[in-house]
Amino acid sequence: MTKPHDPAYHWDGAELDLDAYLARISYDGDRAPTLATLRALVYAHTTAIPFENLEVILGRVIPLDVKSLQDKMVRRRRGGYCYENVGLFAAALERLGFGVTGISGRVSMGAESGIRPATHALLRVTTSDDERVWLCDVGFGSGPLEPYELAASGEFSLGDWRFRLERTSGELDTDLWVLHQFGREGWIDRYTFSTNPQYRIDYAVGNHFVSTSPRSPFTARPFVQRFHPGVHHILDGTTLITEHPDGSSEVRELEPAQLPKILTEVFDIDLELADAAVLAAAPWRMG
């Protein structure tokens, strides 16, 4: 029987250039696996590394090995979607001595019908100085800016952004958690999740679906996010949305040729010239 010490159960933290990663997220604080460190790391990662699916739109595969994640998000200072962000962050937490377990969520965003695939990755994390269990969601693109406790505690605020975690029952009376968030559409359910452990091979399966399936929203158009304490920027195709914690928002329509400039100025993503030219030609609009 496979034991938890099998490398397949873990996150390849030994392969991570920890100093380079911490420099990428501008973190120079304590490295002990404490709750204070975890809070600071979640904040630093979430505000430094944008959410983006541009490699999918450019027709490339999305590798999840630590070497590839480092090359893209650390060395080339690009972003990634949930599987990439979570893979990199899990490797860093494991290297620092935190307890790390992957879990998967089903994104709903207020949808009223139809079950969706469990294609969102997040992390269950424990620390050395606190008995509570924490959820770290560095790969959704819209926070939270801190870990949140795995407990049905009603509404809570992380910074100026508001959330609510609800514990319900799923099929066969299994525990099912629902994270709600407050935004421009008021309160909506963001995703559901259970605490069934997920491993790198499980994320590889979900990653294949979201990066290749015509049913995946990430194969249909560019989707980029940048999250800050007081503002959330979203690029959805050629629509630029700016959201604020009070639920207000602004919407601006762009021409495809404007996208590379917007990516640089708003999302801190500098594409190579050839990739910028492809994106400006809007290949996702063809066919």
Protein backbone atom coordinates (compact mmCIF):
# COMPACT_ATOMS: atom_id res chain seq x y z
CA MET A 1 0.00 0.00 0.00
CA THR A 2 1.31 3.46 -0.90
CA LYS A 3 2.41 5.43 2.13
CA PRO A 4 2.21 9.23 2.60
CA HIS A 5 6.03 9.48 2.42
CA ASP A 6 5.78 8.57 -1.27
CA PRO A 7 6.96 11.64 -3.26
CA ALA A 8 3.69 11.54 -5.24
CA TYR A 9 1.91 12.79 -2.14
CA HIS A 10 4.05 15.90 -1.85
CA TRP A 11 4.84 19.13 -3.69
CA ASP A 12 8.51 18.95 -4.74
CA GLY A 13 9.47 21.77 -2.40
CA ALA A 14 13.11 20.66 -2.53
CA GLU A 15 13.22 21.65 -6.22
CA LEU A 16 12.13 25.23 -5.51
CA ASP A 17 14.60 28.12 -5.55
CA LEU A 18 13.10 29.52 -2.38
CA ASP A 19 15.15 32.73 -2.32
CA ALA A 20 14.16 33.57 -5.90
CA TYR A 21 10.48 32.85 -5.19
CA LEU A 22 10.45 35.02 -2.06
CA ALA A 23 12.17 37.83 -3.96
CA ARG A 24 9.52 37.53 -6.70
CA ILE A 25 6.74 38.17 -4.19
CA SER A 26 8.79 40.81 -2.32
CA TYR A 27 8.80 38.84 0.93
CA ASP A 28 11.75 39.26 3.30
CA GLY A 29 10.14 38.31 6.60
CA ASP A 30 10.42 35.41 9.00
CA ARG A 31 10.57 31.91 7.50
CA ALA A 32 9.28 29.92 10.47
CA PRO A 33 6.07 27.98 9.63
CA THR A 34 3.85 30.11 11.85
CA LEU A 35 0.44 31.64 11.29
CA ALA A 36 1.96 35.11 11.01
CA THR A 37 4.31 33.89 8.27
CA LEU A 38 1.46 32.16 6.45
CA ARG A 39 -0.64 35.32 6.49
CA ALA A 40 2.23 37.38 5.16
CA LEU A 41 3.02 34.86 2.41
CA VAL A 42 -0.59 34.63 1.20
CA TYR A 43 -0.78 38.43 1.03
CA ALA A 44 2.54 38.73 -0.79
CA HIS A 45 1.81 36.00 -3.34
CA THR A 46 -1.75 37.14 -4.05
CA THR A 47 -0.80 40.77 -4.63
CA ALA A 48 2.40 40.03 -6.60
CA ILE A 49 1.46 37.28 -9.06
CA PRO A 50 -1.50 37.88 -11.40
CA PHE A 51 -4.05 35.33 -12.54
CA GLU A 52 -3.85 34.64 -16.27
CA ASN A 53 -4.64 32.04 -18.92
CA LEU A 54 -2.68 33.60 -21.77
CA GLU A 55 -0.56 30.55 -22.54
CA VAL A 56 -3.77 28.62 -23.28
CA ILE A 57 -4.93 31.35 -25.65
CA LEU A 58 -1.50 31.29 -27.31
CA GLY A 59 -1.93 27.56 -27.96
CA ARG A 60 0.58 26.19 -25.46
CA VAL A 61 0.43 23.42 -22.89
CA ILE A 62 0.44 24.26 -19.18
CA PRO A 63 3.12 22.23 -17.33
CA LEU A 64 2.78 21.98 -13.54
CA ASP A 65 6.25 20.75 -12.53
CA VAL A 66 8.09 23.08 -10.17
CA LYS A 67 10.89 23.82 -12.65
CA SER A 68 8.39 25.05 -15.27
CA LEU A 69 6.37 27.02 -12.73
CA GLN A 70 9.51 28.75 -11.49
CA ASP A 71 10.62 29.58 -15.00
CA LYS A 72 7.30 31.14 -15.91
CA MET A 73 6.14 32.88 -12.75
CA VAL A 74 9.45 33.64 -11.03
CA ARG A 75 12.09 34.08 -13.72
CA ARG A 76 9.85 35.49 -16.47
CA ARG A 77 7.56 37.25 -13.95
CA ARG A 78 4.38 36.01 -15.53
CA GLY A 79 1.18 34.90 -13.80
CA GLY A 80 -0.84 31.72 -13.92
CA TYR A 81 -4.22 30.24 -13.11
CA CYS A 82 -5.14 28.25 -10.02
CA TYR A 83 -3.18 25.05 -10.68
CA GLU A 84 -0.01 27.00 -11.42
CA ASN A 85 -0.29 29.41 -8.49
CA VAL A 86 -1.19 26.64 -6.06
CA GLY A 87 1.59 24.35 -7.27
CA LEU A 88 4.20 27.06 -6.76
CA PHE A 89 2.79 28.17 -3.41
CA ALA A 90 2.47 24.60 -2.11
CA ALA A 91 6.12 23.92 -2.95
CA ALA A 92 7.14 27.03 -1.01
CA LEU A 93 5.00 26.15 2.01
CA GLU A 94 6.27 22.58 2.03
CA ARG A 95 9.87 23.83 1.85
CA LEU A 96 9.22 26.13 4.82
CA GLY A 97 7.74 23.34 6.95
CA PHE A 98 4.00 23.98 6.82
CA GLY A 99 1.50 21.14 6.64
CA VAL A 100 0.06 21.27 3.10
CA THR A 101 -2.78 19.29 1.53
CA GLY A 102 -4.42 20.06 -1.79
CA ILE A 103 -8.20 20.18 -2.15
CA SER A 104 -10.48 20.93 -5.09
CA GLY A 105 -13.49 23.21 -5.44
CA ARG A 106 -16.41 23.50 -7.82
CA VAL A 107 -16.69 27.11 -9.01
CA SER A 108 -20.28 28.31 -9.13
CA MET A 109 -20.17 32.14 -9.07
CA GLY A 110 -23.89 32.31 -8.42
CA ALA A 111 -24.96 29.77 -11.04
CA GLU A 112 -28.36 28.37 -10.08
CA SER A 113 -28.34 25.05 -11.89
CA GLY A 114 -26.00 22.35 -13.17
CA ILE A 115 -23.09 20.78 -11.35
CA ARG A 116 -19.70 21.96 -12.48
CA PRO A 117 -16.42 20.00 -12.50
CA ALA A 118 -14.11 20.30 -9.51
CA THR A 119 -11.47 22.32 -11.32
CA HIS A 120 -10.41 24.90 -8.74
CA ALA A 121 -7.32 24.18 -6.65
CA LEU A 122 -6.78 25.48 -3.14
CA LEU A 123 -4.77 24.41 -0.11
CA ARG A 124 -5.51 23.16 3.39
CA VAL A 125 -2.64 24.38 5.57
CA THR A 126 -1.54 23.87 9.18
CA THR A 127 1.08 25.84 11.08
CA SER A 128 3.52 25.10 13.89
CA ASP A 129 2.03 27.51 16.42
CA ASP A 130 -1.76 27.28 15.94
CA GLU A 131 -4.11 24.30 16.12
CA ARG A 132 -6.62 25.67 13.63
CA VAL A 133 -6.87 24.57 10.00
CA TRP A 134 -6.54 27.24 7.30
CA LEU A 135 -7.57 27.52 3.66
CA CYS A 136 -5.21 29.34 1.31
CA ASP A 137 -6.70 30.42 -2.02
CA VAL A 138 -3.86 32.11 -3.88
CA GLY A 139 -5.06 30.94 -7.30
CA PHE A 140 -8.57 32.31 -7.72
CA GLY A 141 -7.49 35.77 -8.83
CA SER A 142 -9.71 37.72 -6.44
CA GLY A 143 -8.32 36.91 -3.02
CA PRO A 144 -8.75 36.49 -0.15
CA LEU A 145 -5.56 38.30 0.80
CA GLU A 146 -5.16 36.11 3.88
CA PRO A 147 -5.79 32.47 4.76
CA TYR A 148 -9.27 31.87 6.15
CA GLU A 149 -10.11 29.42 8.89
CA LEU A 150 -11.91 26.18 8.04
CA ALA A 151 -14.82 26.95 10.36
CA ALA A 152 -18.42 28.04 9.82
CA SER A 153 -18.02 31.44 11.46
CA GLY A 154 -20.39 33.54 9.36
CA GLU A 155 -19.33 36.69 7.55
CA PHE A 156 -15.70 37.80 7.81
CA SER A 157 -13.57 40.51 6.26
CA LEU A 158 -10.03 40.12 4.99
CA GLY A 159 -8.88 43.65 4.43
CA ASP A 160 -11.85 45.53 2.99
CA TRP A 161 -13.17 42.50 1.09
CA ARG A 162 -16.09 40.54 2.56
CA PHE A 163 -16.62 36.76 2.59
CA ARG A 164 -18.81 34.17 4.27
CA LEU A 165 -18.01 30.48 4.80
CA GLU A 166 -20.94 28.08 5.22
CA ARG A 167 -20.84 24.41 6.18
CA THR A 168 -23.53 22.27 4.57
CA SER A 169 -24.06 18.62 3.64
CA GLY A 170 -23.38 17.04 0.27
CA GLU A 171 -24.46 13.75 -1.23
CA LEU A 172 -24.27 10.79 1.20
CA ASP A 173 -24.23 13.33 4.06
CA THR A 174 -20.65 14.34 3.33
CA ASP A 175 -19.36 17.69 4.57
CA LEU A 176 -19.64 20.39 1.94
CA TRP A 177 -18.33 23.90 2.39
CA VAL A 178 -19.50 26.98 0.46
CA LEU A 179 -17.46 30.17 0.21
CA HIS A 180 -19.54 33.28 -0.53
CA GLN A 181 -18.11 36.62 -1.55
CA PHE A 182 -19.48 40.16 -1.79
CA GLY A 183 -18.93 42.05 -5.03
CA ARG A 184 -20.60 44.00 -7.80
CA GLU A 185 -23.50 41.51 -7.92
CA GLY A 186 -23.96 41.50 -4.14
CA TRP A 187 -23.47 38.23 -2.24
CA ILE A 188 -22.86 35.20 -4.45
CA ASP A 189 -21.63 31.69 -3.78
CA ARG A 190 -18.10 31.53 -5.18
CA TYR A 191 -17.40 27.81 -4.95
CA THR A 192 -18.08 24.66 -2.97
CA PHE A 193 -15.44 22.25 -1.71
CA SER A 194 -14.92 19.19 0.45
CA THR A 195 -11.76 18.34 2.35
CA ASN A 196 -11.02 15.18 0.36
CA PRO A 197 -7.23 15.31 -0.26
CA GLN A 198 -6.01 16.02 -3.78
CA TYR A 199 -2.52 15.33 -5.09
CA ARG A 200 -0.40 16.62 -7.96
CA ILE A 201 -1.69 13.89 -10.25
CA ASP A 202 -5.30 14.94 -9.52
CA TYR A 203 -4.44 18.53 -10.37
CA ALA A 204 -2.79 17.32 -13.61
CA VAL A 205 -6.14 15.83 -14.67
CA GLY A 206 -8.06 19.03 -13.88
CA ASN A 207 -5.37 21.13 -15.54
CA HIS A 208 -5.73 19.13 -18.76
CA PHE A 209 -9.48 19.77 -18.82
CA VAL A 210 -9.36 23.52 -18.17
CA SER A 211 -6.52 24.11 -20.64
CA THR A 212 -7.82 21.99 -23.54
CA SER A 213 -11.57 21.35 -23.33
CA PRO A 214 -13.92 23.44 -25.48
CA ARG A 215 -16.21 23.39 -22.42
CA SER A 216 -13.61 25.25 -20.38
CA PRO A 217 -14.00 29.04 -20.15
CA PHE A 218 -10.21 29.35 -20.22
CA THR A 219 -9.98 28.09 -23.80
CA ALA A 220 -12.52 30.63 -25.06
CA ARG A 221 -10.90 34.02 -24.40
CA PRO A 222 -8.21 35.77 -22.36
CA PHE A 223 -9.05 35.98 -18.67
CA VAL A 224 -6.65 37.94 -16.47
CA GLN A 225 -6.96 39.29 -12.94
CA ARG A 226 -4.89 41.45 -10.60
CA PHE A 227 -5.97 41.74 -6.98
CA HIS A 228 -4.96 44.51 -4.58
CA PRO A 229 -6.17 45.55 -1.12
CA GLY A 230 -8.46 48.23 -2.54
CA VAL A 231 -9.12 47.25 -6.16
CA HIS A 232 -9.61 44.17 -8.32
CA HIS A 233 -8.84 44.39 -12.05
CA ILE A 234 -10.32 41.86 -14.48
CA LEU A 235 -9.72 41.44 -18.21
CA ASP A 236 -12.43 39.21 -19.70
CA GLY A 237 -11.84 38.94 -23.43
CA THR A 238 -11.73 42.61 -24.42
CA THR A 239 -13.75 43.86 -21.43
CA LEU A 240 -11.78 45.58 -18.65
CA ILE A 241 -13.59 45.57 -15.30
CA THR A 242 -12.48 47.38 -12.17
CA GLU A 243 -14.12 46.28 -8.90
CA HIS A 244 -14.01 47.81 -5.42
CA PRO A 245 -14.71 46.27 -2.00
CA ASP A 246 -17.99 48.20 -1.60
CA GLY A 247 -19.45 46.45 -4.67
CA SER A 248 -19.01 49.36 -7.08
CA SER A 249 -17.34 48.78 -10.43
CA GLU A 250 -16.40 50.33 -13.76
CA VAL A 251 -16.47 48.62 -17.15
CA ARG A 252 -14.51 49.60 -20.27
CA GLU A 253 -14.53 47.96 -23.69
CA LEU A 254 -11.18 47.64 -25.44
CA GLU A 255 -9.95 46.95 -28.93
CA PRO A 256 -7.81 43.80 -29.25
CA ALA A 257 -4.83 45.93 -30.28
CA GLN A 258 -4.95 47.60 -26.86
CA LEU A 259 -4.54 44.36 -24.93
CA PRO A 260 -0.72 44.16 -24.71
CA LYS A 261 -0.50 47.73 -23.37
CA ILE A 262 -3.28 47.10 -20.82
CA LEU A 263 -1.59 43.88 -19.70
CA THR A 264 1.60 45.81 -18.98
CA GLU A 265 0.06 48.87 -17.35
CA VAL A 266 -2.74 47.27 -15.30
CA PHE A 267 -1.70 43.64 -14.78
CA ASP A 268 2.13 43.88 -14.76
CA ILE A 269 2.40 41.28 -17.52
CA ASP A 270 4.96 41.98 -20.24
CA LEU A 271 4.51 39.64 -23.19
CA GLU A 272 7.24 38.96 -25.69
CA LEU A 273 6.68 40.90 -28.92
CA ALA A 274 5.61 37.86 -30.93
CA ASP A 275 3.07 36.83 -28.27
CA ALA A 276 1.74 40.37 -27.99
CA ALA A 277 1.16 40.44 -31.74
CA VAL A 278 -0.75 37.15 -31.62
CA LEU A 279 -2.93 38.35 -28.74
CA ALA A 280 -3.65 41.66 -30.51
CA ALA A 281 -4.88 39.67 -33.53
CA ALA A 282 -7.55 38.13 -31.27
CA PRO A 283 -7.35 34.52 -32.48
CA TRP A 284 -10.04 33.44 -29.98
CA ARG A 285 -12.60 35.47 -31.97
CA MET A 286 -12.03 33.42 -35.11
CA GLY A 287 -13.86 30.29 -36.14
